[in-house]
């Protein structure tokens, strides 16, 4: 059922088997598996999952390569709701461990917000990451091309940049070190942009020169192009640099602050999990970009299947087998 301010009161006394935080590919996959295992689940989705910005999914097995990410998510949501799962648009603000259950506090509505609390036996964190984009005065200019030929994931889209004139837009020196020489696997025609945000060491300057990669430190005023196809950048000094594609490497932010009260084990910025995506808390699972691994839609969907299956195994192990009562032997009185 689609929950809203009008009807969510119907679920406030319910204890779900699992609440999934995040309605991206991983969260929807987890919800579908939970429902197919005849468990009760609620997906709380803040909207605009990372895959929502993918204009074409060129690397998802079995889908036409021009399938937009939002179509994958729409179809996944329809599949989930066809299995009678509950879905709520909202932002999870806090999770409290009550012992046998978790209390999940959700902000619903941007205006006149309400803060209902839902309860669940298990929790699946699938809220992913938010990519930092190039900070321009007119951010609409960035969104005009982001997800088209202005990319944020080299693993996803490196192939799309093969032998093209590519701008690497870095947020710090380490981003250049980590990305530029890997990006050269796909294309050697790389121009590095710092947007004037940081200083580049002499050592790295020399290394870039040795590979023929221009370094541009003048701030960018805007991207150039039309119909979502970026063709270059205009700098603050009004000069222009032609490009055919771009990769933004400005870092990202993990959407996991609601878990801070649970004291979960971390590996760097990621949640530590076992092979079934269970965290250091036995009833909390983390899937997709929040855990250590490859940040890919197909991986997140697989993680959802693992987490949903393990929760079913846990619950099944503590449940008595169902009885075919009509077939029970009659006990003589």
Protein backbone atom coordinates (compact mmCIF):
# COMPACT_ATOMS: atom_id res chain seq x y z
CA UNK A 1 0.00 0.00 0.00
CA UNK A 2 1.20 3.51 -0.77
CA UNK A 3 1.29 5.30 2.56
CA UNK A 4 0.75 9.04 2.99
CA UNK A 5 -0.20 11.52 5.70
CA UNK A 6 -3.82 10.48 5.19
CA UNK A 7 -3.50 6.76 5.82
CA UNK A 8 -0.21 6.03 7.58
CA UNK A 9 -2.02 5.94 10.95
CA UNK A 10 -3.26 2.51 9.84
CA UNK A 11 0.29 1.17 10.21
CA UNK A 12 1.47 2.85 13.42
CA UNK A 13 0.45 -0.13 15.61
CA UNK A 14 1.99 -2.66 13.23
CA UNK A 15 5.35 -4.32 13.85
CA UNK A 16 6.96 -5.02 10.48
CA UNK A 17 9.27 -7.92 9.89
CA UNK A 18 11.61 -5.49 8.13
CA UNK A 19 11.78 -1.81 7.27
CA UNK A 20 13.93 -0.93 4.27
CA UNK A 21 15.42 2.57 4.26
CA UNK A 22 15.89 3.58 0.64
CA UNK A 23 13.85 2.90 -2.46
CA UNK A 24 16.62 2.51 -5.01
CA UNK A 25 17.47 -0.71 -6.83
CA UNK A 26 18.84 -2.36 -3.68
CA UNK A 27 15.95 -1.38 -1.44
CA UNK A 28 13.31 -2.41 -3.97
CA UNK A 29 15.06 -5.74 -4.54
CA UNK A 30 15.15 -6.37 -0.79
CA UNK A 31 11.46 -5.47 -0.49
CA UNK A 32 10.47 -7.78 -3.32
CA UNK A 33 12.32 -10.72 -1.75
CA UNK A 34 10.84 -10.00 1.69
CA UNK A 35 7.31 -9.94 0.30
CA UNK A 36 7.86 -13.09 -1.73
CA UNK A 37 8.99 -14.77 1.48
CA UNK A 38 5.59 -13.85 2.96
CA UNK A 39 7.11 -11.34 5.37
CA UNK A 40 5.79 -7.83 6.06
CA UNK A 41 7.88 -4.90 4.90
CA UNK A 42 7.86 -1.13 4.55
CA UNK A 43 10.14 0.81 2.21
CA UNK A 44 10.81 4.41 3.23
CA UNK A 45 12.19 6.38 0.30
CA UNK A 46 13.56 9.92 0.30
CA UNK A 47 13.42 10.00 -3.51
CA UNK A 48 16.01 10.65 -6.21
CA UNK A 49 18.13 7.54 -5.73
CA UNK A 50 21.53 7.65 -7.44
CA UNK A 51 20.25 5.42 -10.22
CA UNK A 52 17.38 7.90 -10.83
CA UNK A 53 19.91 10.19 -12.53
CA UNK A 54 21.12 7.50 -14.92
CA UNK A 55 19.68 8.45 -18.28
CA UNK A 56 20.60 5.14 -19.91
CA UNK A 57 21.55 1.84 -18.23
CA UNK A 58 24.17 0.44 -20.56
CA UNK A 59 25.49 -2.22 -18.18
CA UNK A 60 22.45 -3.89 -16.61
CA UNK A 61 22.03 -7.44 -17.88
CA UNK A 62 18.92 -8.03 -19.95
CA UNK A 63 17.67 -4.45 -20.20
CA UNK A 64 17.68 -2.47 -23.45
CA UNK A 65 20.76 -0.21 -23.24
CA UNK A 66 18.65 2.95 -23.56
CA UNK A 67 16.57 2.15 -20.44
CA UNK A 68 16.57 5.17 -18.08
CA UNK A 69 17.30 4.51 -14.43
CA UNK A 70 13.96 6.04 -13.41
CA UNK A 71 12.15 3.42 -15.52
CA UNK A 72 13.98 0.62 -13.69
CA UNK A 73 12.92 2.17 -10.38
CA UNK A 74 9.31 2.71 -11.48
CA UNK A 75 8.99 -0.89 -12.59
CA UNK A 76 10.66 -2.11 -9.42
CA UNK A 77 8.24 -0.13 -7.27
CA UNK A 78 5.26 -1.49 -9.21
CA UNK A 79 6.58 -5.03 -8.74
CA UNK A 80 7.03 -4.47 -5.00
CA UNK A 81 3.58 -2.99 -4.51
CA UNK A 82 2.00 -5.80 -6.53
CA UNK A 83 3.23 -8.06 -3.70
CA UNK A 84 1.35 -5.93 -1.11
CA UNK A 85 4.41 -4.20 0.30
CA UNK A 86 4.03 -0.83 2.01
CA UNK A 87 5.81 2.20 0.55
CA UNK A 88 6.23 5.65 2.11
CA UNK A 89 7.89 8.76 0.72
CA UNK A 90 9.80 10.29 3.59
CA UNK A 91 13.17 10.79 5.26
CA UNK A 92 14.28 8.55 8.12
CA UNK A 93 15.71 10.81 10.81
CA UNK A 94 16.45 8.39 13.64
CA UNK A 95 16.54 4.69 14.47
CA UNK A 96 16.35 3.60 18.12
CA UNK A 97 17.10 0.03 19.23
CA UNK A 98 14.33 -0.94 21.65
CA UNK A 99 15.54 -4.50 22.20
CA UNK A 100 13.23 -6.77 20.23
CA UNK A 101 12.21 -3.98 17.84
CA UNK A 102 13.58 -0.81 16.29
CA UNK A 103 11.68 2.49 16.43
CA UNK A 104 12.09 4.29 13.10
CA UNK A 105 11.26 8.01 13.14
CA UNK A 106 10.34 9.41 9.71
CA UNK A 107 9.85 12.95 8.47
CA UNK A 108 6.89 12.98 6.09
CA UNK A 109 6.17 16.03 3.97
CA UNK A 110 8.40 19.00 3.19
CA UNK A 111 5.74 21.42 4.42
CA UNK A 112 3.64 20.91 7.53
CA UNK A 113 5.82 17.88 8.22
CA UNK A 114 4.75 15.11 10.56
CA UNK A 115 7.06 12.65 12.33
CA UNK A 116 5.46 9.20 12.69
CA UNK A 117 7.31 6.32 14.35
CA UNK A 118 7.17 2.84 12.82
CA UNK A 119 8.41 -0.35 14.44
CA UNK A 120 10.20 -3.31 12.95
CA UNK A 121 12.09 -6.47 13.92
CA UNK A 122 14.79 -6.03 11.27
CA UNK A 123 16.28 -3.07 9.46
CA UNK A 124 17.83 -2.85 6.00
CA UNK A 125 19.85 0.31 5.30
CA UNK A 126 19.75 0.94 1.56
CA UNK A 127 19.91 4.73 1.45
CA UNK A 128 23.07 4.95 -0.66
CA UNK A 129 25.23 7.96 -1.35
CA UNK A 130 24.80 11.43 -2.79
CA UNK A 131 27.44 12.60 -5.27
CA UNK A 132 28.87 16.09 -4.88
CA UNK A 133 28.59 17.91 -8.18
CA UNK A 134 30.69 20.77 -9.50
CA UNK A 135 29.66 23.84 -7.43
CA UNK A 136 28.63 26.47 -9.96
CA UNK A 137 26.57 29.60 -9.35
CA UNK A 138 23.91 28.12 -11.63
CA UNK A 139 23.56 24.49 -10.57
CA UNK A 140 20.81 23.99 -13.13
CA UNK A 141 23.58 24.22 -15.71
CA UNK A 142 25.24 21.18 -14.10
CA UNK A 143 21.99 19.18 -13.96
CA UNK A 144 21.44 19.93 -17.64
CA UNK A 145 24.23 17.48 -18.49
CA UNK A 146 24.73 15.30 -15.39
CA UNK A 147 23.77 11.73 -16.18
CA UNK A 148 23.99 12.28 -19.92
CA UNK A 149 27.59 12.73 -21.11
CA UNK A 150 28.71 14.27 -17.82
CA UNK A 151 29.33 11.26 -15.60
CA UNK A 152 29.99 10.57 -11.90
CA UNK A 153 30.99 6.88 -12.00
CA UNK A 154 33.92 5.61 -14.02
CA UNK A 155 33.04 1.96 -13.40
CA UNK A 156 29.57 2.58 -14.80
CA UNK A 157 30.50 4.87 -17.64
CA UNK A 158 34.19 4.56 -18.42
CA UNK A 159 33.31 2.74 -21.64
CA UNK A 160 31.14 5.71 -22.69
CA UNK A 161 34.23 7.95 -22.55
CA UNK A 162 36.45 5.75 -24.74
CA UNK A 163 38.88 7.86 -26.81
CA UNK A 164 36.87 11.05 -26.26
CA UNK A 165 38.12 14.46 -25.13
CA UNK A 166 37.27 14.21 -21.44
CA UNK A 167 37.26 16.73 -18.63
CA UNK A 168 38.10 15.39 -15.18
CA UNK A 169 36.54 17.71 -12.59
CA UNK A 170 38.29 17.06 -9.28
CA UNK A 171 37.42 18.17 -5.75
CA UNK A 172 40.88 17.69 -4.25
CA UNK A 173 44.35 16.54 -5.24
CA UNK A 174 43.71 12.97 -4.06
CA UNK A 175 40.78 12.79 -6.51
CA UNK A 176 43.16 13.49 -9.37
CA UNK A 177 45.65 10.88 -8.15
CA UNK A 178 42.90 8.27 -7.72
CA UNK A 179 41.07 8.88 -10.98
CA UNK A 180 43.14 10.36 -13.80
CA UNK A 181 45.50 7.48 -14.45
CA UNK A 182 42.68 4.94 -14.23
CA UNK A 183 40.58 7.06 -16.57
CA UNK A 184 43.47 6.91 -19.06
CA UNK A 185 42.61 3.22 -19.57
CA UNK A 186 39.57 4.47 -21.49
CA UNK A 187 40.91 7.70 -22.99
CA UNK A 188 44.25 9.55 -23.01
CA UNK A 189 42.61 12.84 -24.00
CA UNK A 190 42.15 14.13 -20.45
CA UNK A 191 42.03 17.73 -19.23
CA UNK A 192 42.06 18.13 -15.45
CA UNK A 193 40.00 20.94 -13.87
CA UNK A 194 40.35 22.07 -10.24
CA UNK A 195 37.75 24.90 -10.40
CA UNK A 196 40.22 26.85 -8.25
CA UNK A 197 39.22 24.81 -5.20
CA UNK A 198 42.65 23.56 -4.13
CA UNK A 199 46.39 23.75 -4.83
CA UNK A 200 48.11 21.06 -6.87
CA UNK A 201 51.55 19.92 -5.71
CA UNK A 202 54.61 20.33 -7.92
CA UNK A 203 55.02 16.56 -7.93
CA UNK A 204 51.54 15.97 -9.40
CA UNK A 205 51.91 18.87 -11.85
CA UNK A 206 55.03 17.26 -13.21
CA UNK A 207 53.36 13.86 -13.43
CA UNK A 208 50.43 15.32 -15.38
CA UNK A 209 52.84 17.09 -17.75
CA UNK A 210 54.71 13.84 -18.33
CA UNK A 211 51.47 12.24 -19.49
CA UNK A 212 50.31 15.20 -21.57
CA UNK A 213 47.26 15.99 -19.41
CA UNK A 214 46.54 19.76 -19.28
CA UNK A 215 45.77 21.21 -15.84
CA UNK A 216 43.20 24.03 -15.71
CA UNK A 217 42.94 25.88 -12.40
CA UNK A 218 40.77 28.79 -13.50
CA UNK A 219 37.23 28.48 -12.10
CA UNK A 220 34.50 27.30 -14.48
CA UNK A 221 31.58 29.65 -15.10
CA UNK A 222 29.36 27.22 -17.02
CA UNK A 223 29.12 24.10 -19.13
CA UNK A 224 28.46 24.54 -22.83
CA UNK A 225 26.21 22.37 -25.01
CA UNK A 226 22.63 21.79 -26.00
CA UNK A 227 19.93 19.17 -25.62
CA UNK A 228 21.75 17.61 -22.63
CA UNK A 229 24.91 17.07 -24.69
CA UNK A 230 27.86 18.85 -23.09
CA UNK A 231 30.41 20.17 -25.62
CA UNK A 232 32.82 22.03 -23.36
CA UNK A 233 33.25 24.56 -20.58
CA UNK A 234 33.49 28.31 -20.34
CA UNK A 235 35.96 29.58 -17.75
CA UNK A 236 35.70 32.64 -15.54
CA UNK A 237 38.07 34.49 -17.89
CA UNK A 238 35.58 33.88 -20.78
CA UNK A 239 37.90 31.42 -22.53
CA UNK A 240 36.40 28.07 -23.62
CA UNK A 241 37.72 24.52 -23.72
CA UNK A 242 36.01 21.98 -26.02
CA UNK A 243 35.13 18.59 -24.55
CA UNK A 244 33.16 15.55 -25.65
CA UNK A 245 32.48 14.09 -22.21
CA UNK A 246 33.29 14.62 -18.55
CA UNK A 247 33.79 12.83 -15.24
CA UNK A 248 33.00 14.59 -11.96
CA UNK A 249 35.22 13.38 -9.09
CA UNK A 250 34.11 15.72 -6.30
CA UNK A 251 33.47 13.02 -3.72
CA UNK A 252 30.17 11.91 -2.20
CA UNK A 253 28.22 11.85 1.04
CA UNK A 254 26.92 8.68 2.65
CA UNK A 255 23.24 8.74 3.66
CA UNK A 256 23.62 6.92 6.98
CA UNK A 257 23.41 9.50 9.78
CA UNK A 258 20.16 7.95 11.05
CA UNK A 259 22.22 4.91 12.15
CA UNK A 260 24.60 6.83 14.41
CA UNK A 261 22.87 5.71 17.62
CA UNK A 262 23.41 2.00 16.83
CA UNK A 263 27.23 2.08 17.09
CA UNK A 264 27.78 -0.16 14.06
CA UNK A 265 31.23 -1.33 12.99
CA UNK A 266 32.67 0.68 10.11
CA UNK A 267 35.37 0.08 7.51
CA UNK A 268 36.43 3.58 6.61
CA UNK A 269 33.25 5.38 5.61
CA UNK A 270 31.44 2.14 4.79
CA UNK A 271 29.45 -0.17 7.04
CA UNK A 272 31.17 -3.48 7.72
CA UNK A 273 29.03 -6.48 6.74
CA UNK A 274 29.29 -10.24 6.31
CA UNK A 275 28.64 -12.07 3.05
CA UNK A 276 24.87 -11.82 3.57
CA UNK A 277 25.07 -8.04 4.20
CA UNK A 278 24.53 -8.34 7.97
CA UNK A 279 26.24 -5.58 9.98
CA UNK A 280 27.76 -5.89 13.44
CA UNK A 281 24.19 -5.70 14.79
CA UNK A 282 22.49 -9.05 14.11
CA UNK A 283 19.20 -7.46 13.00
CA UNK A 284 20.62 -4.61 10.90
CA UNK A 285 21.66 -5.15 7.28
CA UNK A 286 23.40 -2.72 4.92
CA UNK A 287 23.24 -3.05 1.16
CA UNK A 288 24.43 -1.25 -1.95
CA UNK A 289 26.68 1.78 -1.70
CA UNK A 290 26.62 1.93 2.12
CA UNK A 291 28.70 -1.25 2.48
CA UNK A 292 32.15 -2.14 1.27
CA UNK A 293 32.04 -3.21 -2.35
CA UNK A 294 31.37 -2.07 -5.90
CA UNK A 295 28.92 0.83 -6.30
CA UNK A 296 26.81 -0.64 -9.09
CA UNK A 297 23.06 -1.04 -9.58
CA UNK A 298 23.38 -4.76 -10.28
CA UNK A 299 25.40 -5.27 -7.07
CA UNK A 300 22.83 -3.36 -5.00
CA UNK A 301 20.02 -5.50 -6.43
CA UNK A 302 21.96 -8.65 -5.54
CA UNK A 303 22.63 -7.32 -2.03
CA UNK A 304 18.89 -6.80 -1.59
CA UNK A 305 18.26 -10.44 -2.44
CA UNK A 306 20.91 -11.56 0.06
CA UNK A 307 19.62 -9.41 2.92
CA UNK A 308 15.97 -10.31 2.33
CA UNK A 309 16.81 -14.01 2.18
CA UNK A 310 18.89 -13.96 5.37
CA UNK A 311 16.12 -12.20 7.29
CA UNK A 312 13.68 -14.90 6.13
CA UNK A 313 16.12 -17.59 7.26
CA UNK A 314 16.43 -15.96 10.68
CA UNK A 315 12.68 -15.67 11.16
CA UNK A 316 12.00 -19.13 9.74
CA UNK A 317 14.52 -20.69 12.14
CA UNK A 318 12.53 -19.44 15.14
CA UNK A 319 9.09 -20.28 13.74
CA UNK A 320 7.27 -23.58 14.19
CA UNK A 321 6.42 -25.54 11.02
CA UNK A 322 2.88 -25.03 9.76
CA UNK A 323 0.50 -27.93 10.37
CA UNK A 324 -1.95 -29.51 7.90
CA UNK A 325 -4.64 -29.85 10.52
CA UNK A 326 -7.10 -31.87 8.42
CA UNK A 327 -4.48 -34.58 7.99
CA UNK A 328 -3.64 -34.97 11.64
CA UNK A 329 -4.35 -38.44 13.06
CA UNK A 330 -7.48 -38.64 15.13
CA UNK A 331 -6.67 -39.30 18.74
CA UNK A 332 -9.09 -41.72 20.32
CA UNK A 333 -10.86 -40.29 23.31
